[in-house]
PDB file of N, CA and C in Angstrom:
ATOM      1  N   UNK A   1     360.274 194.007 119.373  1.00  0.00           N
ATOM      2  CA  UNK A   1     358.651 193.537 119.494  1.00  0.00           C
ATOM      3  C   UNK A   1     357.692 194.342 119.863  1.00  0.00           C
ATOM      4  N   UNK A   2     356.502 193.816 119.597  1.00  0.00           N
ATOM      5  CA  UNK A   2     355.407 195.365 120.002  1.00  0.00           C
ATOM      6  C   UNK A   2     355.068 195.100 120.862  1.00  0.00           C
ATOM      7  N   UNK A   3     354.671 195.709 122.006  1.00  0.00           N
ATOM      8  CA  UNK A   3     354.051 195.265 123.514  1.00  0.00           C
ATOM      9  C   UNK A   3     353.079 196.018 123.638  1.00  0.00           C
ATOM     10  N   UNK A   4     352.056 195.892 123.894  1.00  0.00           N
ATOM     11  CA  UNK A   4     350.757 196.727 123.970  1.00  0.00           C
ATOM     12  C   UNK A   4     350.557 196.206 125.901  1.00  0.00           C
ATOM     13  N   UNK A   5     350.569 197.322 126.791  1.00  0.00           N
ATOM     14  CA  UNK A   5     350.250 197.348 128.034  1.00  0.00           C
ATOM     15  C   UNK A   5     348.590 197.905 128.106  1.00  0.00           C
ATOM     16  N   UNK A   6     347.720 197.403 128.627  1.00  0.00           N
ATOM     17  CA  UNK A   6     346.304 197.707 128.451  1.00  0.00           C
ATOM     18  C   UNK A   6     346.377 197.776 130.552  1.00  0.00           C
ATOM     19  N   UNK A   7     346.196 199.137 130.879  1.00  0.00           N
ATOM     20  CA  UNK A   7     345.981 199.524 132.309  1.00  0.00           C
ATOM     21  C   UNK A   7     344.809 199.552 132.292  1.00  0.00           C
ATOM     22  N   UNK A   8     344.422 199.208 133.457  1.00  0.00           N
ATOM     23  CA  UNK A   8     342.463 198.802 133.380  1.00  0.00           C
ATOM     24  C   UNK A   8     343.093 199.868 134.850  1.00  0.00           C
ATOM     25  N   UNK A   9     342.931 200.488 135.588  1.00  0.00           N
ATOM     26  CA  UNK A   9     343.152 201.527 136.874  1.00  0.00           C
ATOM     27  C   UNK A   9     343.877 202.791 136.595  1.00  0.00           C
ATOM     28  N   UNK A  10     344.588 202.748 135.499  1.00  0.00           N
ATOM     29  CA  UNK A  10     345.378 204.099 135.780  1.00  0.00           C
ATOM     30  C   UNK A  10     347.243 203.445 136.305  1.00  0.00           C
ATOM     31  N   UNK A  11     347.548 203.995 135.841  1.00  0.00           N
ATOM     32  CA  UNK A  11     349.470 204.156 136.058  1.00  0.00           C
ATOM     33  C   UNK A  11     349.874 203.551 137.623  1.00  0.00           C
ATOM     34  N   UNK A  12     350.773 203.006 137.746  1.00  0.00           N
ATOM     35  CA  UNK A  12     351.336 202.429 138.707  1.00  0.00           C
ATOM     36  C   UNK A  12     352.683 203.381 138.713  1.00  0.00           C
ATOM     37  N   UNK A  13     353.418 202.819 140.220  1.00  0.00           N
ATOM     38  CA  UNK A  13     355.055 203.268 139.625  1.00  0.00           C
ATOM     39  C   UNK A  13     355.302 201.930 139.311  1.00  0.00           C
ATOM     40  N   UNK A  14     355.003 200.910 139.626  1.00  0.00           N
ATOM     41  CA  UNK A  14     355.745 199.632 139.240  1.00  0.00           C
ATOM     42  C   UNK A  14     355.277 199.718 137.821  1.00  0.00           C
ATOM     43  N   UNK A  15     353.956 200.100 137.255  1.00  0.00           N
ATOM     44  CA  UNK A  15     353.910 199.731 135.556  1.00  0.00           C
ATOM     45  C   UNK A  15     354.806 200.734 135.194  1.00  0.00           C
ATOM     46  N   UNK A  16     354.528 201.722 135.663  1.00  0.00           N
ATOM     47  CA  UNK A  16     355.513 203.018 134.689  1.00  0.00           C
ATOM     48  C   UNK A  16     357.159 202.570 134.521  1.00  0.00           C
ATOM     49  N   UNK A  17     357.621 201.876 135.435  1.00  0.00           N
ATOM     50  CA  UNK A  17     359.437 201.576 136.051  1.00  0.00           C
ATOM     51  C   UNK A  17     359.022 200.117 134.732  1.00  0.00           C
ATOM     52  N   UNK A  18     358.493 199.339 134.985  1.00  0.00           N
ATOM     53  CA  UNK A  18     358.312 197.917 133.761  1.00  0.00           C
ATOM     54  C   UNK A  18     358.223 198.255 132.776  1.00  0.00           C
ATOM     55  N   UNK A  19     357.193 199.235 132.060  1.00  0.00           N
ATOM     56  CA  UNK A  19     357.234 199.827 131.209  1.00  0.00           C
ATOM     57  C   UNK A  19     358.154 200.526 130.473  1.00  0.00           C
ATOM     58  N   UNK A  20     358.929 201.250 130.984  1.00  0.00           N
ATOM     59  CA  UNK A  20     360.302 202.045 130.644  1.00  0.00           C
ATOM     60  C   UNK A  20     361.006 201.206 130.529  1.00  0.00           C
ATOM     61  N   UNK A  21     361.475 200.233 131.259  1.00  0.00           N
ATOM     62  CA  UNK A  21     362.459 199.281 130.833  1.00  0.00           C
ATOM     63  C   UNK A  21     362.098 198.483 129.858  1.00  0.00           C
ATOM     64  N   UNK A  22     361.425 197.800 129.792  1.00  0.00           N
ATOM     65  CA  UNK A  22     360.898 197.467 128.056  1.00  0.00           C
ATOM     66  C   UNK A  22     361.062 198.546 126.548  1.00  0.00           C
ATOM     67  N   UNK A  23     360.472 199.277 127.309  1.00  0.00           N
ATOM     68  CA  UNK A  23     360.454 200.498 125.981  1.00  0.00           C
ATOM     69  C   UNK A  23     361.788 200.634 125.209  1.00  0.00           C
ATOM     70  N   UNK A  24     363.307 200.198 126.329  1.00  0.00           N
ATOM     71  CA  UNK A  24     364.388 200.683 125.689  1.00  0.00           C
ATOM     72  C   UNK A  24     364.749 199.711 124.458  1.00  0.00           C
ATOM     73  N   UNK A  25     364.163 198.492 124.589  1.00  0.00           N
ATOM     74  CA  UNK A  25     364.646 197.109 123.753  1.00  0.00           C
ATOM     75  C   UNK A  25     363.348 197.041 123.295  1.00  0.00           C
ATOM     76  N   UNK A  26     362.092 197.627 123.084  1.00  0.00           N
ATOM     77  CA  UNK A  26     361.153 197.462 122.103  1.00  0.00           C
ATOM     78  C   UNK A  26     360.083 198.537 122.071  1.00  0.00           C
ATOM     79  N   UNK A  27     359.358 197.947 120.982  1.00  0.00           N
ATOM     80  CA  UNK A  27     358.539 199.353 120.824  1.00  0.00           C
ATOM     81  C   UNK A  27     357.141 198.946 121.980  1.00  0.00           C
ATOM     82  N   UNK A  28     357.010 200.101 122.278  1.00  0.00           N
ATOM     83  CA  UNK A  28     355.699 199.722 123.126  1.00  0.00           C
ATOM     84  C   UNK A  28     354.492 201.071 123.465  1.00  0.00           C
ATOM     85  N   UNK A  29     353.457 200.593 123.233  1.00  0.00           N
ATOM     86  CA  UNK A  29     352.432 201.321 123.082  1.00  0.00           C
ATOM     87  C   UNK A  29     351.558 201.174 124.861  1.00  0.00           C
ATOM     88  N   UNK A  30     350.941 202.075 125.238  1.00  0.00           N
ATOM     89  CA  UNK A  30     350.392 202.264 126.786  1.00  0.00           C
ATOM     90  C   UNK A  30     348.588 202.625 126.109  1.00  0.00           C
ATOM     91  N   UNK A  31     347.885 202.035 127.012  1.00  0.00           N
ATOM     92  CA  UNK A  31     346.409 202.431 126.753  1.00  0.00           C
ATOM     93  C   UNK A  31     345.782 202.179 128.241  1.00  0.00           C
ATOM     94  N   UNK A  32     345.738 203.638 128.435  1.00  0.00           N
ATOM     95  CA  UNK A  32     345.252 203.783 129.794  1.00  0.00           C
ATOM     96  C   UNK A  32     343.356 203.709 130.108  1.00  0.00           C
ATOM     97  N   UNK A  33     343.271 202.775 129.909  1.00  0.00           N
ATOM     98  CA  UNK A  33     340.988 202.121 129.813  1.00  0.00           C
ATOM     99  C   UNK A  33     340.827 203.290 131.042  1.00  0.00           C
ATOM    100  N   UNK A  34     341.359 203.520 131.901  1.00  0.00           N
ATOM    101  CA  UNK A  34     340.600 204.326 132.872  1.00  0.00           C
ATOM    102  C   UNK A  34     340.641 205.472 132.661  1.00  0.00           C
ATOM    103  N   UNK A  35     341.540 206.284 131.794  1.00  0.00           N
ATOM    104  CA  UNK A  35     341.642 207.695 131.828  1.00  0.00           C
ATOM    105  C   UNK A  35     340.844 208.006 130.305  1.00  0.00           C
ATOM    106  N   UNK A  36     340.277 207.417 129.265  1.00  0.00           N
ATOM    107  CA  UNK A  36     340.280 207.421 128.066  1.00  0.00           C
ATOM    108  C   UNK A  36     339.140 206.474 127.438  1.00  0.00           C
ATOM    109  N   UNK A  37     337.811 206.659 127.064  1.00  0.00           N
ATOM    110  CA  UNK A  37     337.278 205.913 126.140  1.00  0.00           C
ATOM    111  C   UNK A  37     338.296 205.277 124.845  1.00  0.00           C
ATOM    112  N   UNK A  38     338.181 204.150 124.278  1.00  0.00           N
ATOM    113  CA  UNK A  38     338.805 203.531 123.365  1.00  0.00           C
ATOM    114  C   UNK A  38     337.954 202.665 122.744  1.00  0.00           C
ATOM    115  N   UNK A  39     337.484 202.605 121.294  1.00  0.00           N
ATOM    116  CA  UNK A  39     336.720 202.230 120.762  1.00  0.00           C
ATOM    117  C   UNK A  39     336.905 200.860 120.477  1.00  0.00           C
ATOM    118  N   UNK A  40     335.908 200.106 120.687  1.00  0.00           N
ATOM    119  CA  UNK A  40     335.961 198.277 120.911  1.00  0.00           C
ATOM    120  C   UNK A  40     336.919 198.024 119.621  1.00  0.00           C
ATOM    121  N   UNK A  41     336.714 198.597 118.107  1.00  0.00           N
ATOM    122  CA  UNK A  41     337.125 198.152 117.080  1.00  0.00           C
ATOM    123  C   UNK A  41     338.796 198.393 117.030  1.00  0.00           C
ATOM    124  N   UNK A  42     339.163 199.215 117.604  1.00  0.00           N
ATOM    125  CA  UNK A  42     340.517 200.359 117.380  1.00  0.00           C
ATOM    126  C   UNK A  42     340.989 199.169 118.504  1.00  0.00           C
ATOM    127  N   UNK A  43     340.747 198.709 120.045  1.00  0.00           N
ATOM    128  CA  UNK A  43     341.091 198.117 120.777  1.00  0.00           C
ATOM    129  C   UNK A  43     341.626 196.908 120.409  1.00  0.00           C
ATOM    130  N   UNK A  44     340.723 196.412 119.498  1.00  0.00           N
ATOM    131  CA  UNK A  44     340.946 195.025 118.964  1.00  0.00           C
ATOM    132  C   UNK A  44     342.243 195.180 118.022  1.00  0.00           C
ATOM    133  N   UNK A  45     341.834 195.690 117.534  1.00  0.00           N
ATOM    134  CA  UNK A  45     342.804 196.314 115.929  1.00  0.00           C
ATOM    135  C   UNK A  45     344.699 196.195 116.660  1.00  0.00           C
ATOM    136  N   UNK A  46     344.691 197.212 117.409  1.00  0.00           N
ATOM    137  CA  UNK A  46     345.655 197.337 118.216  1.00  0.00           C
ATOM    138  C   UNK A  46     346.144 195.842 119.302  1.00  0.00           C
ATOM    139  N   UNK A  47     345.267 194.883 119.687  1.00  0.00           N
ATOM    140  CA  UNK A  47     346.018 193.878 120.670  1.00  0.00           C
ATOM    141  C   UNK A  47     346.478 192.954 119.487  1.00  0.00           C
ATOM    142  N   UNK A  48     345.739 192.863 117.963  1.00  0.00           N
ATOM    143  CA  UNK A  48     346.041 191.869 116.893  1.00  0.00           C
ATOM    144  C   UNK A  48     347.436 191.894 116.285  1.00  0.00           C
ATOM    145  N   UNK A  49     347.620 193.607 116.568  1.00  0.00           N
ATOM    146  CA  UNK A  49     348.558 194.269 115.510  1.00  0.00           C
ATOM    147  C   UNK A  49     349.875 194.188 116.567  1.00  0.00           C
ATOM    148  N   UNK A  50     349.869 193.432 118.134  1.00  0.00           N
ATOM    149  CA  UNK A  50     350.817 193.595 118.815  1.00  0.00           C
ATOM    150  C   UNK A  50     351.397 191.971 118.780  1.00  0.00           C
ATOM    151  N   UNK A  51     352.967 191.860 119.459  1.00  0.00           N
ATOM    152  CA  UNK A  51     353.471 190.565 119.407  1.00  0.00           C
ATOM    153  C   UNK A  51     352.813 190.355 120.799  1.00  0.00           C
ATOM    154  N   UNK A  52     352.658 191.260 122.237  1.00  0.00           N
ATOM    155  CA  UNK A  52     352.563 190.767 123.264  1.00  0.00           C
ATOM    156  C   UNK A  52     351.427 191.789 123.537  1.00  0.00           C
ATOM    157  N   UNK A  53     350.986 191.232 124.864  1.00  0.00           N
ATOM    158  CA  UNK A  53     349.557 192.306 125.434  1.00  0.00           C
ATOM    159  C   UNK A  53     349.778 192.276 126.431  1.00  0.00           C
ATOM    160  N   UNK A  54     349.942 192.971 127.345  1.00  0.00           N
ATOM    161  CA  UNK A  54     349.680 192.734 129.271  1.00  0.00           C
ATOM    162  C   UNK A  54     349.091 193.769 129.217  1.00  0.00           C
ATOM    163  N   UNK A  55     348.417 193.204 130.654  1.00  0.00           N
ATOM    164  CA  UNK A  55     347.008 193.734 131.003  1.00  0.00           C
ATOM    165  C   UNK A  55     347.448 194.454 132.340  1.00  0.00           C
ATOM    166  N   UNK A  56     347.160 195.299 132.624  1.00  0.00           N
ATOM    167  CA  UNK A  56     348.163 195.274 134.329  1.00  0.00           C
ATOM    168  C   UNK A  56     346.802 196.109 134.944  1.00  0.00           C
ATOM    169  N   UNK A  57     346.667 195.557 136.263  1.00  0.00           N
ATOM    170  CA  UNK A  57     345.721 196.165 136.956  1.00  0.00           C
ATOM    171  C   UNK A  57     346.330 196.565 138.249  1.00  0.00           C
ATOM    172  N   UNK A  58     346.482 197.837 138.683  1.00  0.00           N
ATOM    173  CA  UNK A  58     347.126 198.325 139.856  1.00  0.00           C
ATOM    174  C   UNK A  58     347.090 198.225 141.250  1.00  0.00           C
ATOM    175  N   UNK A  59     345.177 197.431 141.185  1.00  0.00           N
ATOM    176  CA  UNK A  59     345.005 197.489 142.337  1.00  0.00           C
ATOM    177  C   UNK A  59     344.990 196.392 143.033  1.00  0.00           C
ATOM    178  N   UNK A  60     345.774 195.524 142.715  1.00  0.00           N
ATOM    179  CA  UNK A  60     345.836 194.411 143.266  1.00  0.00           C
ATOM    180  C   UNK A  60     347.132 194.216 143.909  1.00  0.00           C
ATOM    181  N   UNK A  61     347.173 193.867 145.586  1.00  0.00           N
ATOM    182  CA  UNK A  61     348.217 193.471 146.191  1.00  0.00           C
ATOM    183  C   UNK A  61     348.981 192.723 146.049  1.00  0.00           C
ATOM    184  N   UNK A  62     350.708 192.374 146.050  1.00  0.00           N
ATOM    185  CA  UNK A  62     351.168 190.902 145.554  1.00  0.00           C
ATOM    186  C   UNK A  62     350.924 190.239 146.935  1.00  0.00           C
ATOM    187  N   UNK A  63     350.348 190.861 148.044  1.00  0.00           N
ATOM    188  CA  UNK A  63     350.762 190.589 149.077  1.00  0.00           C
ATOM    189  C   UNK A  63     349.231 189.524 149.435  1.00  0.00           C
ATOM    190  N   UNK A  64     348.428 189.574 148.741  1.00  0.00           N
ATOM    191  CA  UNK A  64     347.169 188.506 148.996  1.00  0.00           C
ATOM    192  C   UNK A  64     346.432 188.487 147.673  1.00  0.00           C
ATOM    193  N   UNK A  65     345.882 187.390 147.328  1.00  0.00           N
ATOM    194  CA  UNK A  65     345.344 186.791 146.327  1.00  0.00           C
ATOM    195  C   UNK A  65     344.231 187.657 146.252  1.00  0.00           C
ATOM    196  N   UNK A  66     343.821 187.715 144.716  1.00  0.00           N
ATOM    197  CA  UNK A  66     342.802 188.537 144.250  1.00  0.00           C
ATOM    198  C   UNK A  66     341.313 188.429 145.116  1.00  0.00           C
ATOM    199  N   UNK A  67     341.427 186.944 145.161  1.00  0.00           N
ATOM    200  CA  UNK A  67     339.915 186.777 146.024  1.00  0.00           C
ATOM    201  C   UNK A  67     339.719 186.307 147.667  1.00  0.00           C
ATOM    202  N   UNK A  68     341.155 187.262 148.084  1.00  0.00           N
ATOM    203  CA  UNK A  68     340.708 187.183 149.741  1.00  0.00           C
ATOM    204  C   UNK A  68     339.695 187.867 150.282  1.00  0.00           C
ATOM    205  N   UNK A  69     338.896 187.343 151.196  1.00  0.00           N
ATOM    206  CA  UNK A  69     338.589 188.072 151.814  1.00  0.00           C
ATOM    207  C   UNK A  69     339.371 189.194 152.974  1.00  0.00           C
ATOM    208  N   UNK A  70     338.167 190.429 153.109  1.00  0.00           N
ATOM    209  CA  UNK A  70     338.872 191.420 154.022  1.00  0.00           C
ATOM    210  C   UNK A  70     339.068 191.564 155.496  1.00  0.00           C
ATOM    211  N   UNK A  71     339.950 191.436 155.909  1.00  0.00           N
ATOM    212  CA  UNK A  71     339.976 191.131 157.377  1.00  0.00           C
ATOM    213  C   UNK A  71     341.718 190.828 157.721  1.00  0.00           C
TER     214      UNK A  71
END
């Protein structure tokens, strides 16, 4: 299975561990959208060429909902 990871704000330990685990059994490609500019048409082609696309945002905490008010 071809899996494309889109890292929205860089890599994290959790993302790296999951990607490494899946890479042992699947073909994995990682695009760090925060580190480089990827042409839109290239990104769309890679999305449609993949069996699964996972968008990863490292800034979210599992303890708080994404729209939680600070405090």
